[in-house]
Amino acid sequence: MKLFKLALLTLIPLFAVAGVNAAQLQEGTTYLAIVPPQPTSAEEGKIEVVEIFSYGCSHCHRFEAMLERWLKNKPDNVEFVRLPAIFNGTLALYARAFYTAEALGVLDQIHLPFFEAIHLQKRRLNSEEEIAQLFVENGVEREKFEKAFRSFAVETKVRRAAELGKRYGVRATPSMVVNGKYLTDPGKTNGFRGMLETVEALVEKES
């Protein structure tokens, strides 16, 4: 997984996302066009913004607080989706955990604790048993976890996430995709804030 040296950049508060407009966007520099464009799941009249992340990515963990602030003030026409990156077997396991939490309706209980378990508590969550224990610690019945974790519905979503990541051309996390057409990441925008500025400009472009 490609990692970015952005620790200092993540300390900058995101008071507002401004400074990039549609006229300043640079294809091939601040974002890449996805060819061919991919279909979205957004409602009619909405623009889909996808965050591609991994629980194993320390930069995704640092980005989480900034992203949550942005989501509270995101453009009204944005429909936000999280998509777990799958570059290897461990990340496929993490993706399965994400979709298990989603299927059980406990994503709010699991999402941040999963990040913190890996990056703050230095726990190894590389097996179903270790992940099950985390779910149990956060109020999920083990039997319900096991049933969802091994379900066909979760398996289908994991496979779809892997396929979408390939179609988007994702090479690093975190990355963001706007309306199935444009891909950007902190390496292209000089940090997290620049990525969100670019996303907003691309949303404006699509609007």
C-alpha atoms as a PDB file:
ATOM      1  CA  MET A   1       0.000   0.000   0.000  1.00  0.00           C
ATOM      2  CA  LYS A   2       1.387   3.375  -0.900  1.00  0.00           C
ATOM      3  CA  LEU A   3       1.799   5.579   2.163  1.00  0.00           C
ATOM      4  CA  PHE A   4       1.958   9.355   2.319  1.00  0.00           C
ATOM      5  CA  LYS A   5       4.117  11.461   4.637  1.00  0.00           C
ATOM      6  CA  LEU A   6       1.297  13.704   5.777  1.00  0.00           C
ATOM      7  CA  ALA A   7       1.492  13.677   9.564  1.00  0.00           C
ATOM      8  CA  LEU A   8       2.058  17.431   9.808  1.00  0.00           C
ATOM      9  CA  LEU A   9      -0.625  18.228   7.273  1.00  0.00           C
ATOM     10  CA  THR A  10      -3.229  16.342   9.269  1.00  0.00           C
ATOM     11  CA  LEU A  11      -2.722  18.718  12.201  1.00  0.00           C
ATOM     12  CA  ILE A  12      -4.122  21.644  10.213  1.00  0.00           C
ATOM     13  CA  PRO A  13      -7.773  22.261  11.234  1.00  0.00           C
ATOM     14  CA  LEU A  14     -10.333  22.142   8.471  1.00  0.00           C
ATOM     15  CA  PHE A  15     -12.299  25.285   9.213  1.00  0.00           C
ATOM     16  CA  ALA A  16     -13.486  25.549   5.631  1.00  0.00           C
ATOM     17  CA  VAL A  17     -12.875  23.834   2.350  1.00  0.00           C
ATOM     18  CA  ALA A  18     -12.218  26.554  -0.166  1.00  0.00           C
ATOM     19  CA  GLY A  19      -9.587  27.748  -2.522  1.00  0.00           C
ATOM     20  CA  VAL A  20     -10.006  25.403  -5.499  1.00  0.00           C
ATOM     21  CA  ASN A  21     -12.645  26.045  -8.103  1.00  0.00           C
ATOM     22  CA  ALA A  22     -13.595  24.179 -11.230  1.00  0.00           C
ATOM     23  CA  ALA A  23     -11.444  26.444 -13.390  1.00  0.00           C
ATOM     24  CA  GLN A  24      -8.326  25.613 -11.334  1.00  0.00           C
ATOM     25  CA  LEU A  25      -8.710  21.840 -11.517  1.00  0.00           C
ATOM     26  CA  GLN A  26      -5.862  20.158 -13.353  1.00  0.00           C
ATOM     27  CA  GLU A  27      -6.617  16.767 -14.854  1.00  0.00           C
ATOM     28  CA  GLY A  28      -3.587  14.552 -14.531  1.00  0.00           C
ATOM     29  CA  THR A  29      -2.242  16.631 -11.644  1.00  0.00           C
ATOM     30  CA  THR A  30      -4.833  17.200  -8.911  1.00  0.00           C
ATOM     31  CA  TYR A  31      -7.105  14.423 -10.138  1.00  0.00           C
ATOM     32  CA  LEU A  32      -7.314  11.677 -12.734  1.00  0.00           C
ATOM     33  CA  ALA A  33     -10.205  10.947 -15.072  1.00  0.00           C
ATOM     34  CA  ILE A  34     -11.593   7.428 -14.672  1.00  0.00           C
ATOM     35  CA  VAL A  35     -11.878   5.790 -18.084  1.00  0.00           C
ATOM     36  CA  PRO A  36     -14.463   4.568 -18.663  1.00  0.00           C
ATOM     37  CA  PRO A  37     -16.596   6.356 -16.044  1.00  0.00           C
ATOM     38  CA  GLN A  38     -18.178   3.950 -13.578  1.00  0.00           C
ATOM     39  CA  PRO A  39     -21.875   3.799 -12.676  1.00  0.00           C
ATOM     40  CA  THR A  40     -22.896   5.161  -9.283  1.00  0.00           C
ATOM     41  CA  SER A  41     -25.529   4.171  -6.764  1.00  0.00           C
ATOM     42  CA  ALA A  42     -26.570   7.748  -6.000  1.00  0.00           C
ATOM     43  CA  GLU A  43     -30.163   8.889  -6.185  1.00  0.00           C
ATOM     44  CA  GLU A  44     -31.208  10.955  -9.177  1.00  0.00           C
ATOM     45  CA  GLY A  45     -29.979  14.509  -8.790  1.00  0.00           C
ATOM     46  CA  LYS A  46     -27.250  13.485  -6.327  1.00  0.00           C
ATOM     47  CA  ILE A  47     -23.494  13.303  -6.864  1.00  0.00           C
ATOM     48  CA  GLU A  48     -21.751  10.308  -5.378  1.00  0.00           C
ATOM     49  CA  VAL A  49     -18.521  10.877  -3.443  1.00  0.00           C
ATOM     50  CA  VAL A  50     -16.680   7.696  -2.483  1.00  0.00           C
ATOM     51  CA  GLU A  51     -13.907   7.459   0.087  1.00  0.00           C
ATOM     52  CA  ILE A  52     -11.603   4.499  -0.526  1.00  0.00           C
ATOM     53  CA  PHE A  53      -9.988   3.627   2.788  1.00  0.00           C
ATOM     54  CA  SER A  54      -8.383   0.827   4.745  1.00  0.00           C
ATOM     55  CA  TYR A  55      -8.433   0.149   8.462  1.00  0.00           C
ATOM     56  CA  GLY A  56      -4.782  -0.812   8.144  1.00  0.00           C
ATOM     57  CA  CYS A  57      -3.824   2.606   6.732  1.00  0.00           C
ATOM     58  CA  SER A  58      -2.512   5.049   9.347  1.00  0.00           C
ATOM     59  CA  HIS A  59      -3.257   7.997   7.045  1.00  0.00           C
ATOM     60  CA  CYS A  60      -6.900   6.906   6.744  1.00  0.00           C
ATOM     61  CA  HIS A  61      -7.043   6.893  10.540  1.00  0.00           C
ATOM     62  CA  ARG A  62      -5.637  10.434  10.693  1.00  0.00           C
ATOM     63  CA  PHE A  63      -7.958  11.593   7.919  1.00  0.00           C
ATOM     64  CA  GLU A  64     -11.069  10.297   9.706  1.00  0.00           C
ATOM     65  CA  ALA A  65     -11.594  13.301  11.998  1.00  0.00           C
ATOM     66  CA  MET A  66     -11.175  15.787   9.139  1.00  0.00           C
ATOM     67  CA  LEU A  67     -13.525  13.770   6.947  1.00  0.00           C
ATOM     68  CA  GLU A  68     -16.185  13.676   9.672  1.00  0.00           C
ATOM     69  CA  ARG A  69     -16.059  17.470   9.964  1.00  0.00           C
ATOM     70  CA  TRP A  70     -16.377  17.784   6.201  1.00  0.00           C
ATOM     71  CA  LEU A  71     -19.361  15.429   6.136  1.00  0.00           C
ATOM     72  CA  LYS A  72     -21.257  17.655   8.561  1.00  0.00           C
ATOM     73  CA  ASN A  73     -21.019  20.523   6.054  1.00  0.00           C
ATOM     74  CA  LYS A  74     -20.808  18.702   2.728  1.00  0.00           C
ATOM     75  CA  PRO A  75     -22.759  20.057  -0.261  1.00  0.00           C
ATOM     76  CA  ASP A  76     -26.440  19.134  -0.086  1.00  0.00           C
ATOM     77  CA  ASN A  77     -26.312  17.238  -3.371  1.00  0.00           C
ATOM     78  CA  VAL A  78     -23.500  14.913  -2.258  1.00  0.00           C
ATOM     79  CA  GLU A  79     -24.258  11.279  -1.452  1.00  0.00           C
ATOM     80  CA  PHE A  80     -21.313   9.847   0.493  1.00  0.00           C
ATOM     81  CA  VAL A  81     -20.145   6.225   0.350  1.00  0.00           C
ATOM     82  CA  ARG A  82     -17.248   4.429   2.039  1.00  0.00           C
ATOM     83  CA  LEU A  83     -15.461   1.750   0.042  1.00  0.00           C
ATOM     84  CA  PRO A  84     -12.802  -0.463   1.662  1.00  0.00           C
ATOM     85  CA  ALA A  85      -9.654  -0.902  -0.399  1.00  0.00           C
ATOM     86  CA  ILE A  86      -8.592  -4.482  -1.107  1.00  0.00           C
ATOM     87  CA  PHE A  87      -4.962  -4.826  -2.133  1.00  0.00           C
ATOM     88  CA  ASN A  88      -4.238  -8.107  -0.312  1.00  0.00           C
ATOM     89  CA  GLY A  89      -5.725 -10.823   1.874  1.00  0.00           C
ATOM     90  CA  THR A  90      -5.535  -8.847   5.108  1.00  0.00           C
ATOM     91  CA  LEU A  91      -7.385  -5.908   3.590  1.00  0.00           C
ATOM     92  CA  ALA A  92     -10.013  -8.301   2.234  1.00  0.00           C
ATOM     93  CA  LEU A  93     -10.523  -9.442   5.827  1.00  0.00           C
ATOM     94  CA  TYR A  94     -10.890  -5.830   6.962  1.00  0.00           C
ATOM     95  CA  ALA A  95     -13.360  -5.190   4.149  1.00  0.00           C
ATOM     96  CA  ARG A  96     -15.388  -8.177   5.300  1.00  0.00           C
ATOM     97  CA  ALA A  97     -15.430  -6.700   8.815  1.00  0.00           C
ATOM     98  CA  PHE A  98     -16.632  -3.345   7.451  1.00  0.00           C
ATOM     99  CA  TYR A  99     -19.501  -4.907   5.511  1.00  0.00           C
ATOM    100  CA  THR A 100     -20.368  -7.136   8.469  1.00  0.00           C
ATOM    101  CA  ALA A 101     -20.753  -4.053  10.655  1.00  0.00           C
ATOM    102  CA  GLU A 102     -22.810  -2.392   7.937  1.00  0.00           C
ATOM    103  CA  ALA A 103     -25.062  -5.451   7.563  1.00  0.00           C
ATOM    104  CA  LEU A 104     -25.657  -5.569  11.321  1.00  0.00           C
ATOM    105  CA  GLY A 105     -26.386  -1.854  11.524  1.00  0.00           C
ATOM    106  CA  VAL A 106     -23.503  -1.264  13.941  1.00  0.00           C
ATOM    107  CA  LEU A 107     -21.039   0.614  11.739  1.00  0.00           C
ATOM    108  CA  ASP A 108     -21.132   3.629  14.066  1.00  0.00           C
ATOM    109  CA  GLN A 109     -20.132   1.331  16.951  1.00  0.00           C
ATOM    110  CA  ILE A 110     -17.315  -0.409  15.069  1.00  0.00           C
ATOM    111  CA  HIS A 111     -15.766   1.983  12.542  1.00  0.00           C
ATOM    112  CA  LEU A 112     -13.633   4.209  14.781  1.00  0.00           C
ATOM    113  CA  PRO A 113     -12.866   1.473  17.360  1.00  0.00           C
ATOM    114  CA  PHE A 114     -11.510  -0.694  14.533  1.00  0.00           C
ATOM    115  CA  PHE A 115      -9.101   2.079  13.511  1.00  0.00           C
ATOM    116  CA  GLU A 116      -8.100   2.712  17.120  1.00  0.00           C
ATOM    117  CA  ALA A 117      -7.557  -0.961  17.877  1.00  0.00           C
ATOM    118  CA  ILE A 118      -4.967  -1.181  15.105  1.00  0.00           C
ATOM    119  CA  HIS A 119      -3.289   2.224  15.289  1.00  0.00           C
ATOM    120  CA  LEU A 120      -3.564   3.207  18.956  1.00  0.00           C
ATOM    121  CA  GLN A 121      -3.815  -0.098  20.787  1.00  0.00           C
ATOM    122  CA  LYS A 122      -1.461  -1.863  18.346  1.00  0.00           C
ATOM    123  CA  ARG A 123      -3.685  -4.937  18.172  1.00  0.00           C
ATOM    124  CA  ARG A 124      -3.363  -7.479  15.415  1.00  0.00           C
ATOM    125  CA  LEU A 125      -6.749  -7.978  13.779  1.00  0.00           C
ATOM    126  CA  ASN A 126      -5.610 -10.512  11.209  1.00  0.00           C
ATOM    127  CA  SER A 127      -8.086 -13.311  11.881  1.00  0.00           C
ATOM    128  CA  GLU A 128     -11.830 -13.793  12.172  1.00  0.00           C
ATOM    129  CA  GLU A 129     -11.427 -14.610  15.856  1.00  0.00           C
ATOM    130  CA  GLU A 130      -9.577 -11.366  16.624  1.00  0.00           C
ATOM    131  CA  ILE A 131     -12.128  -9.332  14.699  1.00  0.00           C
ATOM    132  CA  ALA A 132     -15.005 -11.154  16.398  1.00  0.00           C
ATOM    133  CA  GLN A 133     -13.555 -10.218  19.778  1.00  0.00           C
ATOM    134  CA  LEU A 134     -13.495  -6.544  18.794  1.00  0.00           C
ATOM    135  CA  PHE A 135     -17.145  -6.718  17.733  1.00  0.00           C
ATOM    136  CA  VAL A 136     -18.099  -8.408  21.012  1.00  0.00           C
ATOM    137  CA  GLU A 137     -16.222  -5.738  22.999  1.00  0.00           C
ATOM    138  CA  ASN A 138     -18.327  -3.140  21.218  1.00  0.00           C
ATOM    139  CA  GLY A 139     -21.706  -4.675  21.965  1.00  0.00           C
ATOM    140  CA  VAL A 140     -22.263  -7.140  19.110  1.00  0.00           C
ATOM    141  CA  GLU A 141     -23.365 -10.691  19.861  1.00  0.00           C
ATOM    142  CA  ARG A 142     -20.810 -13.215  18.628  1.00  0.00           C
ATOM    143  CA  GLU A 143     -23.440 -15.406  16.968  1.00  0.00           C
ATOM    144  CA  LYS A 144     -24.796 -12.461  14.980  1.00  0.00           C
ATOM    145  CA  PHE A 145     -21.268 -11.455  14.000  1.00  0.00           C
ATOM    146  CA  GLU A 146     -20.382 -14.952  12.778  1.00  0.00           C
ATOM    147  CA  LYS A 147     -23.570 -15.309  10.768  1.00  0.00           C
ATOM    148  CA  ALA A 148     -23.093 -11.962   9.005  1.00  0.00           C
ATOM    149  CA  PHE A 149     -19.324 -12.321   8.560  1.00  0.00           C
ATOM    150  CA  ARG A 150     -19.789 -15.547   6.608  1.00  0.00           C
ATOM    151  CA  SER A 151     -22.937 -14.507   4.758  1.00  0.00           C
ATOM    152  CA  PHE A 152     -23.367 -14.474   1.000  1.00  0.00           C
ATOM    153  CA  ALA A 153     -24.463 -10.813   1.134  1.00  0.00           C
ATOM    154  CA  VAL A 154     -21.202  -9.727   2.776  1.00  0.00           C
ATOM    155  CA  GLU A 155     -19.146 -11.902   0.435  1.00  0.00           C
ATOM    156  CA  THR A 156     -20.852 -10.260  -2.539  1.00  0.00           C
ATOM    157  CA  LYS A 157     -20.055  -6.764  -1.254  1.00  0.00           C
ATOM    158  CA  VAL A 158     -16.410  -7.667  -0.645  1.00  0.00           C
ATOM    159  CA  ARG A 159     -16.070  -8.923  -4.219  1.00  0.00           C
ATOM    160  CA  ARG A 160     -17.770  -5.808  -5.560  1.00  0.00           C
ATOM    161  CA  ALA A 161     -15.433  -3.557  -3.543  1.00  0.00           C
ATOM    162  CA  ALA A 162     -12.394  -5.328  -4.967  1.00  0.00           C
ATOM    163  CA  GLU A 163     -13.739  -4.976  -8.500  1.00  0.00           C
ATOM    164  CA  LEU A 164     -14.647  -1.296  -8.076  1.00  0.00           C
ATOM    165  CA  GLY A 165     -11.208  -0.505  -6.687  1.00  0.00           C
ATOM    166  CA  LYS A 166      -9.663  -1.969  -9.837  1.00  0.00           C
ATOM    167  CA  ARG A 167     -12.047  -0.105 -12.104  1.00  0.00           C
ATOM    168  CA  TYR A 168     -11.331   3.177 -10.349  1.00  0.00           C
ATOM    169  CA  GLY A 169      -7.591   2.579 -10.672  1.00  0.00           C
ATOM    170  CA  VAL A 170      -6.977   3.063  -6.951  1.00  0.00           C
ATOM    171  CA  ARG A 171      -3.316   2.773  -5.972  1.00  0.00           C
ATOM    172  CA  ALA A 172      -3.294   4.444  -2.551  1.00  0.00           C
ATOM    173  CA  THR A 173      -5.430   5.125   0.505  1.00  0.00           C
ATOM    174  CA  PRO A 174      -7.153   7.314   1.331  1.00  0.00           C
ATOM    175  CA  SER A 175      -8.470   8.216  -2.115  1.00  0.00           C
ATOM    176  CA  MET A 176     -11.748   9.775  -3.194  1.00  0.00           C
ATOM    177  CA  VAL A 177     -13.880   9.285  -6.293  1.00  0.00           C
ATOM    178  CA  VAL A 178     -16.423  11.833  -7.517  1.00  0.00           C
ATOM    179  CA  ASN A 179     -19.448  10.640  -9.476  1.00  0.00           C
ATOM    180  CA  GLY A 180     -17.629   7.600 -10.819  1.00  0.00           C
ATOM    181  CA  LYS A 181     -15.586   9.911 -13.078  1.00  0.00           C
ATOM    182  CA  TYR A 182     -12.711  11.427 -11.126  1.00  0.00           C
ATOM    183  CA  LEU A 183     -10.095  10.029  -8.740  1.00  0.00           C
ATOM    184  CA  THR A 184      -7.982  12.092  -6.349  1.00  0.00           C
ATOM    185  CA  ASP A 185      -5.743  11.430  -3.361  1.00  0.00           C
ATOM    186  CA  PRO A 186      -3.508  13.388  -0.939  1.00  0.00           C
ATOM    187  CA  GLY A 187      -0.407  12.704  -3.012  1.00  0.00           C
ATOM    188  CA  LYS A 188      -1.932  14.671  -5.899  1.00  0.00           C
ATOM    189  CA  THR A 189      -3.254  17.546  -3.775  1.00  0.00           C
ATOM    190  CA  ASN A 190      -0.506  18.105  -1.210  1.00  0.00           C
ATOM    191  CA  GLY A 191      -2.509  16.701   1.669  1.00  0.00           C
ATOM    192  CA  PHE A 192      -5.936  15.901   3.040  1.00  0.00           C
ATOM    193  CA  ARG A 193      -7.255  19.435   2.916  1.00  0.00           C
ATOM    194  CA  GLY A 194      -6.273  19.780  -0.730  1.00  0.00           C
ATOM    195  CA  MET A 195      -8.020  16.509  -1.504  1.00  0.00           C
ATOM    196  CA  LEU A 196     -11.274  17.751   0.014  1.00  0.00           C
ATOM    197  CA  GLU A 197     -10.943  21.062  -1.816  1.00  0.00           C
ATOM    198  CA  THR A 198     -10.508  19.139  -5.063  1.00  0.00           C
ATOM    199  CA  VAL A 199     -13.512  16.953  -4.278  1.00  0.00           C
ATOM    200  CA  GLU A 200     -15.697  20.014  -3.706  1.00  0.00           C
ATOM    201  CA  ALA A 201     -14.493  21.575  -6.941  1.00  0.00           C
ATOM    202  CA  LEU A 202     -15.252  18.369  -8.834  1.00  0.00           C
ATOM    203  CA  VAL A 203     -18.707  18.242  -7.233  1.00  0.00           C
ATOM    204  CA  GLU A 204     -19.244  21.816  -8.441  1.00  0.00           C
ATOM    205  CA  LYS A 205     -18.049  20.801 -11.890  1.00  0.00           C
ATOM    206  CA  GLU A 206     -20.534  17.916 -11.962  1.00  0.00           C
ATOM    207  CA  SER A 207     -23.332  20.118 -10.666  1.00  0.00           C
END
